Amino acid sequence: MPTPHRAIAQASWHAGAMTLLESPISTLDGIPTTFGQLAAGRVSLVVNVASQCSLTPQYATLETLHERYADRGFTVIGIPCNQFDAQEPGTAAEIAEFCSTTYGVTFPMTEKVNVNQPDQHPVYSAMTTVKDDRGVAGEVEWNFEKFLLDRQGNVISRIRPDTSPDDPAVIAAIEALLANEQI
């Protein structure tokens, strides 16, 4: 069941009245915010994350990227999701503890959301319209699917789960966005 702010946001999104950056979302510790406030004008790598997935070790690489490029205007945004084989069953406190103690995560994390239907979060309603390098848009395939956004909140590329966050093509895209945009 979507929260009231999520249902309103989805209705507004579908009416064309809301941008991705205006989409309401709460932080992992329950503080209401918007996606734009989390991104804060930075190049962002948005990732649906899970604690009990074979791809969970990507957290380490995501944190390394976040630390490496943060001073240049980059952030990773982790969005927990339990839609894929219930691989993120924990509470917000359990997710925060796992990420902090196991991987030293310092990048922003949001509340747990649905990235696909039913009750797809508005952030994902917007991002999943973008095609990947195979020309495929639509539902998120699995945990750790990544979306690279520019400072204005435009999705520049969609990166499927099996591609490591430090893949040379991903690094090149991040560096190009950081080099070509003014802070």
Foldseek 3Di string as FASTA:
>chain_A
DDDPLQVVLVVCVVVVNDDLQQFWFAFLVGHIDGNVVLLVLAWEKEFAAFDQDPLNVLLQVQQVVQVVCVVLRYAYEYAYELPAVRRHVDRSVVVVVCSCPVRNDDRTYTHHAHLADDSHGPSNVVQQVDAAPVRDGHGQDHGTWIFTAASVGDTPHTHHRVDRCVPVVNVVVNVVRSVPDDD
